[in-house]
């Protein structure tokens, strides 16, 4: 399994294709938002551009909204970031593999919180 912590979706997708057939899963992280592109690539690597954060989605990437909003609107920090304390959503994927360790199935998983639930 490869966790690719990168900003650009193009980098993640290119790396997924580079690893296709050599890894069971390439899962992107960093943007904190689950993507809708879970797929098994042609040579058996499960791929998703971003798993999404495991956090309170009534937030700014898991942080209480007040400080990020102040920084974006006033261009000045007024305090420290604090974690949001609402109900969290757990995001991830379920991957099934064959005897060679290559993926035969990938399904998004989202449980709890504000996002639409998804189970395999």
N, C-alpha and C. Protein backbone atom coordinates (compact mmCIF):
# COMPACT_ATOMS: atom_id res chain seq x y z
N UNK A 1 0.84 -1.17 0.00
CA UNK A 1 0.00 0.00 0.00
C UNK A 1 0.89 1.23 0.00
N UNK A 2 0.54 2.18 -0.85
CA UNK A 2 1.29 3.43 -0.93
C UNK A 2 0.35 4.58 -0.59
N UNK A 3 0.72 5.38 0.40
CA UNK A 3 0.01 6.61 0.75
C UNK A 3 0.79 7.74 0.11
N UNK A 4 0.22 8.37 -0.90
CA UNK A 4 0.91 9.43 -1.61
C UNK A 4 0.38 10.78 -1.13
N UNK A 5 1.15 11.42 -0.27
CA UNK A 5 0.77 12.71 0.31
C UNK A 5 1.27 13.81 -0.63
N UNK A 6 0.40 14.22 -1.56
CA UNK A 6 0.79 15.20 -2.57
C UNK A 6 -0.34 16.17 -2.80
N UNK A 7 -0.01 17.33 -3.32
CA UNK A 7 -1.00 18.38 -3.58
C UNK A 7 -1.73 18.17 -4.89
N UNK A 8 -0.99 17.95 -5.96
CA UNK A 8 -1.59 17.94 -7.30
C UNK A 8 -2.22 16.59 -7.63
N UNK A 9 -3.47 16.62 -8.11
CA UNK A 9 -4.14 15.39 -8.49
C UNK A 9 -3.43 14.73 -9.66
N UNK A 10 -2.83 15.52 -10.53
CA UNK A 10 -2.12 14.94 -11.68
C UNK A 10 -0.91 14.12 -11.22
N UNK A 11 -0.20 14.59 -10.20
CA UNK A 11 0.93 13.83 -9.66
C UNK A 11 0.45 12.50 -9.09
N UNK A 12 -0.65 12.53 -8.37
CA UNK A 12 -1.17 11.31 -7.76
C UNK A 12 -1.59 10.31 -8.84
N UNK A 13 -2.31 10.78 -9.84
CA UNK A 13 -2.77 9.89 -10.91
C UNK A 13 -1.58 9.31 -11.69
N UNK A 14 -0.60 10.14 -12.01
CA UNK A 14 0.58 9.65 -12.73
C UNK A 14 1.30 8.59 -11.90
N UNK A 15 1.43 8.83 -10.60
CA UNK A 15 2.12 7.86 -9.74
C UNK A 15 1.32 6.57 -9.65
N UNK A 16 -0.02 6.68 -9.61
CA UNK A 16 -0.86 5.48 -9.61
C UNK A 16 -0.60 4.62 -10.84
N UNK A 17 -0.55 5.27 -12.01
CA UNK A 17 -0.28 4.51 -13.24
C UNK A 17 1.15 3.95 -13.25
N UNK A 18 2.10 4.70 -12.71
CA UNK A 18 3.48 4.22 -12.61
C UNK A 18 3.56 2.95 -11.76
N UNK A 19 2.76 2.90 -10.68
CA UNK A 19 2.79 1.76 -9.76
C UNK A 19 1.83 0.65 -10.14
N UNK A 20 1.03 0.85 -11.18
CA UNK A 20 0.01 -0.14 -11.55
C UNK A 20 0.65 -1.51 -11.79
N UNK A 21 0.15 -2.48 -11.04
CA UNK A 21 0.67 -3.85 -11.12
C UNK A 21 1.81 -4.12 -10.16
N UNK A 22 2.31 -3.08 -9.48
CA UNK A 22 3.43 -3.24 -8.54
C UNK A 22 3.02 -2.98 -7.09
N UNK A 23 1.79 -2.50 -6.87
CA UNK A 23 1.30 -2.23 -5.52
C UNK A 23 -0.17 -2.60 -5.46
N UNK A 24 -0.63 -3.00 -4.29
CA UNK A 24 -2.04 -3.32 -4.12
C UNK A 24 -2.91 -2.07 -4.17
N UNK A 25 -2.38 -0.97 -3.61
CA UNK A 25 -3.17 0.26 -3.49
C UNK A 25 -2.26 1.47 -3.56
N UNK A 26 -2.68 2.47 -4.31
CA UNK A 26 -2.10 3.81 -4.24
C UNK A 26 -3.25 4.73 -3.82
N UNK A 27 -3.12 5.30 -2.63
CA UNK A 27 -4.15 6.16 -2.07
C UNK A 27 -3.55 7.53 -1.81
N UNK A 28 -4.13 8.54 -2.43
CA UNK A 28 -3.68 9.90 -2.21
C UNK A 28 -4.24 10.46 -0.92
N UNK A 29 -3.46 11.35 -0.33
CA UNK A 29 -3.91 12.10 0.84
C UNK A 29 -3.43 13.53 0.65
N UNK A 30 -3.81 14.40 1.53
CA UNK A 30 -3.35 15.78 1.64
C UNK A 30 -4.47 16.79 1.47
N UNK A 31 -5.41 16.57 0.54
CA UNK A 31 -6.43 17.60 0.32
C UNK A 31 -7.57 17.51 1.32
N UNK A 32 -7.68 16.42 2.07
CA UNK A 32 -8.68 16.23 3.12
C UNK A 32 -10.10 16.09 2.60
N UNK A 33 -10.27 15.91 1.29
CA UNK A 33 -11.60 15.77 0.70
C UNK A 33 -11.64 14.47 -0.09
N UNK A 34 -12.59 13.57 0.21
CA UNK A 34 -12.63 12.31 -0.51
C UNK A 34 -13.02 12.52 -1.98
N UNK A 35 -12.30 11.86 -2.87
CA UNK A 35 -12.59 11.97 -4.29
C UNK A 35 -13.48 10.81 -4.73
N UNK A 36 -14.09 10.95 -5.90
CA UNK A 36 -15.05 9.97 -6.41
C UNK A 36 -14.46 9.14 -7.53
N UNK A 37 -13.15 8.87 -7.48
CA UNK A 37 -12.50 8.16 -8.58
C UNK A 37 -11.86 6.84 -8.16
N UNK A 38 -12.40 6.20 -7.14
CA UNK A 38 -11.87 4.89 -6.72
C UNK A 38 -12.02 3.91 -7.87
N UNK A 39 -10.92 3.23 -8.21
CA UNK A 39 -10.94 2.31 -9.35
C UNK A 39 -9.80 1.32 -9.23
N UNK A 40 -9.94 0.20 -9.92
CA UNK A 40 -8.84 -0.74 -10.06
C UNK A 40 -8.24 -0.47 -11.43
N UNK A 41 -6.95 -0.11 -11.44
CA UNK A 41 -6.26 0.20 -12.68
C UNK A 41 -6.04 -1.08 -13.50
N UNK A 42 -5.72 -0.98 -14.78
CA UNK A 42 -5.67 -2.15 -15.67
C UNK A 42 -4.77 -3.30 -15.22
N UNK A 43 -3.70 -3.02 -14.47
CA UNK A 43 -2.78 -4.09 -14.07
C UNK A 43 -2.95 -4.51 -12.61
N UNK A 44 -4.05 -4.06 -11.97
CA UNK A 44 -4.39 -4.58 -10.65
C UNK A 44 -4.05 -3.74 -9.45
N UNK A 45 -3.79 -2.46 -9.63
CA UNK A 45 -3.57 -1.58 -8.49
C UNK A 45 -4.85 -0.80 -8.22
N UNK A 46 -5.32 -0.87 -6.98
CA UNK A 46 -6.46 -0.05 -6.58
C UNK A 46 -5.95 1.38 -6.44
N UNK A 47 -6.78 2.34 -6.85
CA UNK A 47 -6.35 3.74 -6.86
C UNK A 47 -7.50 4.65 -6.42
N UNK A 48 -7.15 5.68 -5.65
CA UNK A 48 -8.06 6.78 -5.34
C UNK A 48 -7.20 8.04 -5.17
N UNK A 49 -7.63 9.14 -5.75
CA UNK A 49 -6.84 10.37 -5.69
C UNK A 49 -6.73 10.91 -4.28
N UNK A 50 -7.81 10.87 -3.49
CA UNK A 50 -7.71 11.31 -2.10
C UNK A 50 -8.71 10.55 -1.24
N UNK A 51 -8.23 9.98 -0.15
CA UNK A 51 -9.09 9.25 0.77
C UNK A 51 -10.05 10.17 1.51
N UNK A 52 -9.64 11.40 1.74
CA UNK A 52 -10.43 12.33 2.55
C UNK A 52 -9.95 12.30 3.98
N UNK A 53 -10.27 13.35 4.70
CA UNK A 53 -9.85 13.44 6.09
C UNK A 53 -10.74 12.64 7.01
N UNK A 54 -10.21 12.22 8.11
CA UNK A 54 -10.99 11.64 9.20
C UNK A 54 -11.14 12.76 10.21
N UNK A 55 -12.24 13.51 10.05
CA UNK A 55 -12.40 14.73 10.83
C UNK A 55 -13.85 15.19 10.82
N UNK A 56 -14.10 16.28 11.51
CA UNK A 56 -15.40 16.97 11.50
C UNK A 56 -15.46 17.78 10.20
N UNK A 57 -16.40 17.48 9.32
CA UNK A 57 -16.50 18.19 8.05
C UNK A 57 -17.28 19.50 8.17
N UNK A 58 -17.77 19.85 9.36
CA UNK A 58 -18.29 21.19 9.60
C UNK A 58 -17.12 22.02 10.10
N UNK A 59 -16.14 22.18 9.21
CA UNK A 59 -14.85 22.75 9.59
C UNK A 59 -14.13 23.23 8.34
N UNK A 60 -12.91 23.67 8.53
CA UNK A 60 -11.99 23.95 7.41
C UNK A 60 -10.86 22.94 7.57
N UNK A 61 -10.89 21.91 6.74
CA UNK A 61 -10.00 20.75 6.79
C UNK A 61 -9.71 20.26 8.22
N UNK A 62 -10.78 20.13 8.99
CA UNK A 62 -10.67 19.57 10.34
C UNK A 62 -10.42 20.58 11.44
N UNK A 63 -10.24 21.85 11.08
CA UNK A 63 -10.01 22.89 12.08
C UNK A 63 -11.29 23.70 12.31
N UNK A 64 -11.45 24.17 13.54
CA UNK A 64 -12.57 25.07 13.83
C UNK A 64 -12.58 26.19 12.78
N UNK A 65 -13.75 26.55 12.29
CA UNK A 65 -13.86 27.46 11.14
C UNK A 65 -13.41 28.90 11.43
N UNK A 66 -13.48 29.37 12.66
CA UNK A 66 -13.26 30.79 12.95
C UNK A 66 -11.90 31.31 12.52
N UNK A 67 -10.83 30.68 12.94
CA UNK A 67 -9.50 31.20 12.62
C UNK A 67 -9.18 31.13 11.11
N UNK A 68 -9.46 30.03 10.43
CA UNK A 68 -9.22 30.04 8.98
C UNK A 68 -10.04 31.11 8.26
N UNK A 69 -11.28 31.31 8.66
CA UNK A 69 -12.10 32.36 8.02
C UNK A 69 -11.51 33.74 8.25
N UNK A 70 -11.02 33.99 9.45
CA UNK A 70 -10.36 35.27 9.74
C UNK A 70 -9.13 35.46 8.86
N UNK A 71 -8.33 34.44 8.74
CA UNK A 71 -7.11 34.54 7.94
C UNK A 71 -7.41 34.75 6.46
N UNK A 72 -8.45 34.08 5.94
CA UNK A 72 -8.79 34.24 4.53
C UNK A 72 -9.42 35.60 4.24
N UNK A 73 -10.23 36.10 5.15
CA UNK A 73 -10.93 37.35 4.88
C UNK A 73 -10.14 38.59 5.28
N UNK A 74 -9.32 38.51 6.30
CA UNK A 74 -8.56 39.68 6.77
C UNK A 74 -7.08 39.61 6.45
N UNK A 75 -6.62 38.47 5.99
CA UNK A 75 -5.22 38.26 5.64
C UNK A 75 -4.28 38.37 6.83
N UNK A 76 -4.82 38.22 8.04
CA UNK A 76 -4.01 38.29 9.25
C UNK A 76 -4.42 37.20 10.22
N UNK A 77 -3.46 36.53 10.82
CA UNK A 77 -3.83 35.57 11.86
C UNK A 77 -4.30 36.31 13.10
N UNK A 78 -5.33 35.78 13.74
CA UNK A 78 -5.82 36.39 14.98
C UNK A 78 -5.66 35.44 16.16
N UNK A 79 -5.28 34.22 15.88
CA UNK A 79 -5.12 33.23 16.94
C UNK A 79 -4.54 31.95 16.38
N UNK A 80 -4.66 30.91 17.15
CA UNK A 80 -4.14 29.60 16.75
C UNK A 80 -5.25 28.76 16.15
N UNK A 81 -4.87 27.85 15.25
CA UNK A 81 -5.83 26.88 14.75
C UNK A 81 -6.19 25.93 15.88
N UNK A 82 -7.46 25.55 15.95
CA UNK A 82 -7.94 24.60 16.94
C UNK A 82 -8.75 23.52 16.23
N UNK A 83 -8.60 22.28 16.62
CA UNK A 83 -9.37 21.22 15.98
C UNK A 83 -10.87 21.43 16.15
N UNK A 84 -11.63 21.13 15.10
CA UNK A 84 -13.08 21.16 15.20
C UNK A 84 -13.52 20.02 16.12
N UNK A 85 -14.58 20.22 16.85
CA UNK A 85 -14.97 19.25 17.87
C UNK A 85 -16.31 18.58 17.59
N UNK A 86 -16.87 18.78 16.39
CA UNK A 86 -18.13 18.13 16.05
C UNK A 86 -17.92 16.65 15.73
N UNK A 87 -19.03 16.01 15.31
CA UNK A 87 -18.97 14.59 14.99
C UNK A 87 -18.06 14.36 13.79
N UNK A 88 -17.14 13.46 13.92
CA UNK A 88 -16.18 13.17 12.86
C UNK A 88 -16.74 12.20 11.84
N UNK A 89 -16.22 12.31 10.63
CA UNK A 89 -16.45 11.33 9.58
C UNK A 89 -15.14 10.57 9.39
N UNK A 90 -15.21 9.26 9.37
CA UNK A 90 -14.05 8.44 9.09
C UNK A 90 -14.10 8.09 7.60
N UNK A 91 -13.04 8.44 6.88
CA UNK A 91 -12.97 8.18 5.44
C UNK A 91 -11.84 7.21 5.14
N UNK A 92 -12.06 6.37 4.15
CA UNK A 92 -11.03 5.43 3.73
C UNK A 92 -11.52 4.62 2.55
N UNK A 93 -10.91 3.48 2.33
CA UNK A 93 -11.33 2.57 1.28
C UNK A 93 -11.24 1.14 1.78
N UNK A 94 -12.05 0.29 1.18
CA UNK A 94 -11.98 -1.15 1.35
C UNK A 94 -11.39 -1.70 0.06
N UNK A 95 -10.32 -2.49 0.18
CA UNK A 95 -9.68 -3.06 -0.99
C UNK A 95 -9.62 -4.58 -0.82
N UNK A 96 -10.07 -5.29 -1.85
CA UNK A 96 -9.96 -6.74 -1.87
C UNK A 96 -8.86 -7.10 -2.86
N UNK A 97 -8.01 -8.06 -2.48
CA UNK A 97 -6.89 -8.45 -3.34
C UNK A 97 -6.95 -9.94 -3.67
N UNK A 98 -6.23 -10.30 -4.72
CA UNK A 98 -6.13 -11.71 -5.09
C UNK A 98 -4.91 -12.33 -4.41
N UNK A 99 -4.60 -13.58 -4.75
CA UNK A 99 -3.48 -14.29 -4.13
C UNK A 99 -2.12 -13.65 -4.43
N UNK A 100 -2.04 -12.85 -5.49
CA UNK A 100 -0.79 -12.16 -5.84
C UNK A 100 -0.68 -10.80 -5.17
N UNK A 101 -1.70 -10.41 -4.43
CA UNK A 101 -1.68 -9.12 -3.76
C UNK A 101 -2.18 -7.97 -4.62
N UNK A 102 -2.72 -8.28 -5.79
CA UNK A 102 -3.25 -7.22 -6.65
C UNK A 102 -4.74 -7.04 -6.40
N UNK A 103 -5.20 -5.85 -6.60
CA UNK A 103 -6.57 -5.50 -6.26
C UNK A 103 -7.57 -6.09 -7.24
N UNK A 104 -8.68 -6.55 -6.69
CA UNK A 104 -9.81 -6.99 -7.51
C UNK A 104 -11.02 -6.09 -7.28
N UNK A 105 -10.95 -5.27 -6.22
CA UNK A 105 -12.09 -4.42 -5.86
C UNK A 105 -11.61 -3.28 -4.97
N UNK A 106 -12.21 -2.11 -5.14
CA UNK A 106 -11.99 -0.98 -4.24
C UNK A 106 -13.33 -0.28 -4.04
N UNK A 107 -13.66 -0.01 -2.80
CA UNK A 107 -14.89 0.70 -2.47
C UNK A 107 -14.57 1.80 -1.47
N UNK A 108 -15.12 3.00 -1.68
CA UNK A 108 -14.94 4.05 -0.67
C UNK A 108 -15.68 3.70 0.61
N UNK A 109 -15.15 4.18 1.72
CA UNK A 109 -15.78 4.00 3.03
C UNK A 109 -15.89 5.38 3.68
N UNK A 110 -17.11 5.74 4.10
CA UNK A 110 -17.35 6.96 4.87
C UNK A 110 -18.37 6.63 5.94
N UNK A 111 -18.01 6.87 7.19
CA UNK A 111 -18.88 6.53 8.30
C UNK A 111 -18.94 7.71 9.27
N UNK A 112 -20.16 8.08 9.68
CA UNK A 112 -20.36 9.11 10.68
C UNK A 112 -20.31 10.51 10.10
N UNK A 113 -20.64 11.47 10.93
CA UNK A 113 -20.51 12.88 10.56
C UNK A 113 -21.47 13.34 9.48
N UNK A 114 -21.06 14.35 8.73
CA UNK A 114 -21.91 15.06 7.78
C UNK A 114 -21.93 14.51 6.37
N UNK A 115 -20.90 13.81 5.95
CA UNK A 115 -20.83 13.33 4.58
C UNK A 115 -21.77 12.14 4.38
N UNK A 116 -22.17 11.94 3.13
CA UNK A 116 -23.01 10.79 2.81
C UNK A 116 -22.25 9.51 3.14
N UNK A 117 -22.91 8.61 3.82
CA UNK A 117 -22.30 7.36 4.24
C UNK A 117 -22.00 6.48 3.03
N UNK A 118 -20.92 5.73 3.10
CA UNK A 118 -20.56 4.80 2.03
C UNK A 118 -19.91 3.58 2.68
N UNK A 119 -20.44 2.43 2.37
CA UNK A 119 -19.91 1.16 2.90
C UNK A 119 -19.76 0.18 1.74
N UNK A 120 -18.78 -0.72 1.82
CA UNK A 120 -18.62 -1.72 0.75
C UNK A 120 -19.80 -2.68 0.70
